[in-house]
């Protein structure tokens, strides 16, 4: 693979020269027995790096299943998994499958009490989802109306028009503004009406970068 790219680079192809540099960066890790994801890639080169489609450059998440008593602090085995994950430039989450199975049988109030007795703030499944989203550079925003409320998954750093396009292309094309409420404010003031009355709703324009958990109403015209 590299030989063909080198040939183009030697012929003066600038894009090929950049590819050769990235391939060498990957090979430096691979020849040492490390995954390509350990390579330090410049931000401007991320797109070209991803186009190499290297198997070991893909994000990895280790999940350590522990006993009920170790769910809050982990144990010697989960710590080994965490160390291995760090060596490979991967993420790691410690959960207890037994606890998750028991939580599935409980009502919401009982779940909170059960988690508190175990020294946990949230279920392992929730932490696993958050870790997966962070690993993939994803986040969620919400739309809430009289008929339904929905969560929409987008990339971190997306602007409001691009986020609106996930719902429908016309939303992005004819974007005017996004009436936005932070999730915490939406909950604290019991929904849109209360948040608006408290002055927590704001109008955001085309350059606004959507934040995780934003509750948004898009205004558009096509």
Protein backbone atom coordinates (compact mmCIF):
# COMPACT_ATOMS: atom_id res chain seq x y z
CA UNK A 1 0.00 0.00 0.00
CA UNK A 2 2.73 2.43 0.96
CA UNK A 3 4.76 1.71 -2.20
CA UNK A 4 1.99 2.99 -4.47
CA UNK A 5 1.55 6.16 -2.44
CA UNK A 6 5.32 6.77 -2.34
CA UNK A 7 5.43 6.51 -6.12
CA UNK A 8 2.80 9.24 -6.42
CA UNK A 9 4.59 11.34 -3.80
CA UNK A 10 7.88 11.10 -5.69
CA UNK A 11 6.04 12.31 -8.78
CA UNK A 12 5.13 15.50 -6.92
CA UNK A 13 1.64 14.64 -5.67
CA UNK A 14 1.18 16.81 -2.55
CA UNK A 15 -1.73 14.76 -1.22
CA UNK A 16 0.32 11.58 -1.59
CA UNK A 17 3.21 13.18 0.30
CA UNK A 18 0.87 13.95 3.18
CA UNK A 19 -0.40 10.36 3.10
CA UNK A 20 3.14 8.98 3.24
CA UNK A 21 3.79 11.02 6.38
CA UNK A 22 0.65 9.64 8.01
CA UNK A 23 1.46 6.07 6.98
CA UNK A 24 4.92 6.46 8.51
CA UNK A 25 3.27 7.77 11.67
CA UNK A 26 1.10 4.65 11.85
CA UNK A 27 4.00 2.31 11.08
CA UNK A 28 6.03 3.83 13.90
CA UNK A 29 3.36 2.63 16.34
CA UNK A 30 2.62 -0.70 14.66
CA UNK A 31 6.25 -1.81 14.48
CA UNK A 32 6.46 -1.30 18.25
CA UNK A 33 3.42 -3.50 18.77
CA UNK A 34 1.14 -0.59 19.59
CA UNK A 35 -2.21 0.19 17.91
CA UNK A 36 -2.30 3.01 15.38
CA UNK A 37 -4.71 4.94 17.60
CA UNK A 38 -1.74 5.76 19.86
CA UNK A 39 -0.26 7.99 17.15
CA UNK A 40 -0.43 11.73 17.78
CA UNK A 41 -2.16 13.07 14.69
CA UNK A 42 -2.40 16.82 14.07
CA UNK A 43 -5.94 18.18 14.07
CA UNK A 44 -5.64 19.29 10.44
CA UNK A 45 -4.67 15.74 9.42
CA UNK A 46 -7.52 13.89 11.15
CA UNK A 47 -9.68 13.66 8.02
CA UNK A 48 -6.82 12.24 5.91
CA UNK A 49 -5.87 9.91 8.77
CA UNK A 50 -9.38 8.50 8.94
CA UNK A 51 -9.32 7.91 5.18
CA UNK A 52 -6.48 5.42 5.72
CA UNK A 53 -9.11 3.21 7.41
CA UNK A 54 -6.61 1.48 9.67
CA UNK A 55 -8.24 -1.20 11.80
CA UNK A 56 -6.23 -0.38 14.93
CA UNK A 57 -6.92 3.34 14.59
CA UNK A 58 -10.60 2.77 15.30
CA UNK A 59 -11.77 3.77 18.79
CA UNK A 60 -12.01 0.98 21.36
CA UNK A 61 -13.86 0.79 24.67
CA UNK A 62 -13.05 -1.84 27.30
CA UNK A 63 -15.88 -2.85 29.63
CA UNK A 64 -14.93 -4.57 32.90
CA UNK A 65 -17.72 -6.59 34.53
CA UNK A 66 -17.24 -6.80 38.31
CA UNK A 67 -19.13 -8.19 41.29
CA UNK A 68 -21.73 -6.11 43.10
CA UNK A 69 -19.40 -5.07 45.93
CA UNK A 70 -16.77 -3.73 43.50
CA UNK A 71 -19.10 -1.70 41.29
CA UNK A 72 -18.28 1.66 42.88
CA UNK A 73 -14.52 1.26 43.27
CA UNK A 74 -13.51 -1.54 40.91
CA UNK A 75 -11.18 -4.36 41.92
CA UNK A 76 -7.71 -5.65 41.10
CA UNK A 77 -8.94 -7.27 37.90
CA UNK A 78 -10.78 -4.21 36.60
CA UNK A 79 -7.72 -2.09 37.38
CA UNK A 80 -5.68 -4.37 35.11
CA UNK A 81 -8.24 -3.81 32.37
CA UNK A 82 -8.01 -0.04 32.93
CA UNK A 83 -4.22 -0.20 32.67
CA UNK A 84 -4.45 -2.20 29.44
CA UNK A 85 -6.96 0.27 28.02
CA UNK A 86 -4.65 3.17 28.84
CA UNK A 87 -1.74 1.41 27.14
CA UNK A 88 -3.83 1.00 24.00
CA UNK A 89 -5.23 4.52 24.00
CA UNK A 90 -8.71 3.15 24.65
CA UNK A 91 -11.54 3.99 27.04
CA UNK A 92 -12.67 1.84 29.95
CA UNK A 93 -15.90 1.52 31.93
CA UNK A 94 -16.44 -0.60 35.05
CA UNK A 95 -19.94 -2.01 35.50
CA UNK A 96 -21.69 -4.87 37.28
CA UNK A 97 -24.00 -6.91 35.07
CA UNK A 98 -25.67 -8.28 38.21
CA UNK A 99 -26.60 -4.79 39.37
CA UNK A 100 -27.89 -3.85 35.91
CA UNK A 101 -30.11 -6.95 35.88
CA UNK A 102 -31.54 -6.05 39.29
CA UNK A 103 -32.10 -2.41 38.29
CA UNK A 104 -34.18 -3.56 35.33
CA UNK A 105 -36.67 -5.11 37.77
CA UNK A 106 -37.08 -1.98 39.93
CA UNK A 107 -39.25 1.13 39.61
CA UNK A 108 -37.53 4.52 39.29
CA UNK A 109 -37.73 5.52 43.00
CA UNK A 110 -36.39 2.14 44.10
CA UNK A 111 -33.57 2.31 41.55
CA UNK A 112 -32.29 5.54 43.08
CA UNK A 113 -32.32 4.10 46.59
CA UNK A 114 -30.62 0.91 45.44
CA UNK A 115 -27.86 2.80 43.65
CA UNK A 116 -27.31 4.99 46.70
CA UNK A 117 -26.78 1.97 48.95
CA UNK A 118 -24.10 0.78 46.52
CA UNK A 119 -22.34 4.15 46.41
CA UNK A 120 -23.29 4.72 42.76
CA UNK A 121 -24.68 7.90 41.24
CA UNK A 122 -26.06 6.35 38.06
CA UNK A 123 -26.51 2.93 36.43
CA UNK A 124 -23.57 1.32 34.68
CA UNK A 125 -25.53 1.28 31.42
CA UNK A 126 -25.81 5.07 31.56
CA UNK A 127 -22.07 5.42 32.11
CA UNK A 128 -21.43 2.99 29.28
CA UNK A 129 -23.57 5.05 26.90
CA UNK A 130 -21.84 8.28 27.94
CA UNK A 131 -18.42 6.71 27.46
CA UNK A 132 -19.41 5.41 24.03
CA UNK A 133 -20.67 8.82 22.97
CA UNK A 134 -17.51 10.54 24.20
CA UNK A 135 -15.34 8.00 22.42
CA UNK A 136 -17.16 8.60 19.14
CA UNK A 137 -17.29 12.38 19.66
CA UNK A 138 -21.09 12.38 19.76
CA UNK A 139 -23.67 14.25 21.78
CA UNK A 140 -27.44 14.62 22.04
CA UNK A 141 -29.90 17.45 21.72
CA UNK A 142 -33.66 17.30 22.27
CA UNK A 143 -36.84 18.52 20.63
CA UNK A 144 -39.98 18.65 22.75
CA UNK A 145 -43.50 19.33 21.52
CA UNK A 146 -47.11 18.61 22.47
CA UNK A 147 -47.11 15.30 20.57
CA UNK A 148 -43.67 13.88 21.32
CA UNK A 149 -40.19 14.51 22.69
CA UNK A 150 -37.17 13.15 20.85
CA UNK A 151 -33.43 12.88 21.26
CA UNK A 152 -31.18 13.50 18.25
CA UNK A 153 -27.58 12.34 17.97
CA UNK A 154 -25.03 14.68 16.39
CA UNK A 155 -21.28 15.24 16.31
CA UNK A 156 -19.75 17.52 18.91
CA UNK A 157 -18.99 20.93 17.45
CA UNK A 158 -21.91 21.00 15.03
CA UNK A 159 -23.65 24.33 14.52
CA UNK A 160 -27.39 24.77 14.97
CA UNK A 161 -28.25 24.61 11.23
CA UNK A 162 -26.30 21.38 10.75
CA UNK A 163 -27.92 19.87 13.82
CA UNK A 164 -31.33 20.88 12.47
CA UNK A 165 -30.54 19.05 9.24
CA UNK A 166 -30.61 15.75 11.12
CA UNK A 167 -34.37 16.22 11.46
CA UNK A 168 -34.93 17.34 7.86
CA UNK A 169 -32.80 18.92 5.16
CA UNK A 170 -35.25 21.83 4.87
CA UNK A 171 -34.53 22.74 8.50
CA UNK A 172 -30.88 23.31 7.63
CA UNK A 173 -31.52 24.91 4.25
CA UNK A 174 -34.02 27.47 5.53
CA UNK A 175 -32.64 27.91 9.05
CA UNK A 176 -33.59 31.20 10.72
CA UNK A 177 -32.89 30.64 14.42
CA UNK A 178 -32.98 28.05 17.17
CA UNK A 179 -34.95 28.78 20.33
CA UNK A 180 -32.77 27.04 22.87
CA UNK A 181 -33.00 26.01 26.52
CA UNK A 182 -30.20 24.29 28.43
CA UNK A 183 -31.30 20.86 29.67
CA UNK A 184 -30.74 21.76 33.33
CA UNK A 185 -32.90 24.89 32.97
CA UNK A 186 -35.61 22.93 31.15
CA UNK A 187 -35.82 20.45 34.04
CA UNK A 188 -35.47 23.05 36.81
CA UNK A 189 -38.36 25.13 35.44
CA UNK A 190 -40.65 22.23 34.51
CA UNK A 191 -40.49 22.55 30.77
CA UNK A 192 -40.55 25.15 28.02
CA UNK A 193 -43.17 27.49 29.47
CA UNK A 194 -41.48 27.74 32.86
CA UNK A 195 -38.02 28.16 31.34
CA UNK A 196 -39.28 30.88 29.01
CA UNK A 197 -40.97 32.72 31.88
CA UNK A 198 -37.72 32.53 33.87
CA UNK A 199 -35.80 34.04 30.96
CA UNK A 200 -33.89 30.84 30.25
CA UNK A 201 -34.92 30.51 26.60
CA UNK A 202 -32.55 32.19 24.16
CA UNK A 203 -32.52 32.70 20.40
CA UNK A 204 -29.39 31.30 18.76
CA UNK A 205 -28.23 31.98 15.21
CA UNK A 206 -26.38 30.14 12.48
CA UNK A 207 -23.01 30.20 14.25
CA UNK A 208 -24.23 28.71 17.52
CA UNK A 209 -22.47 25.48 18.47
CA UNK A 210 -24.98 23.06 19.95
CA UNK A 211 -24.26 21.94 23.51
CA UNK A 212 -24.97 18.48 24.88
CA UNK A 213 -28.53 18.28 26.20
CA UNK A 214 -29.83 21.47 24.56
CA UNK A 215 -33.60 21.53 24.10
CA UNK A 216 -34.21 23.22 20.75
CA UNK A 217 -37.05 24.56 18.63
CA UNK A 218 -35.96 25.43 15.09
CA UNK A 219 -37.48 28.25 13.08
CA UNK A 220 -36.98 27.94 9.34
CA UNK A 221 -38.39 29.07 6.01
CA UNK A 222 -37.98 27.49 2.57
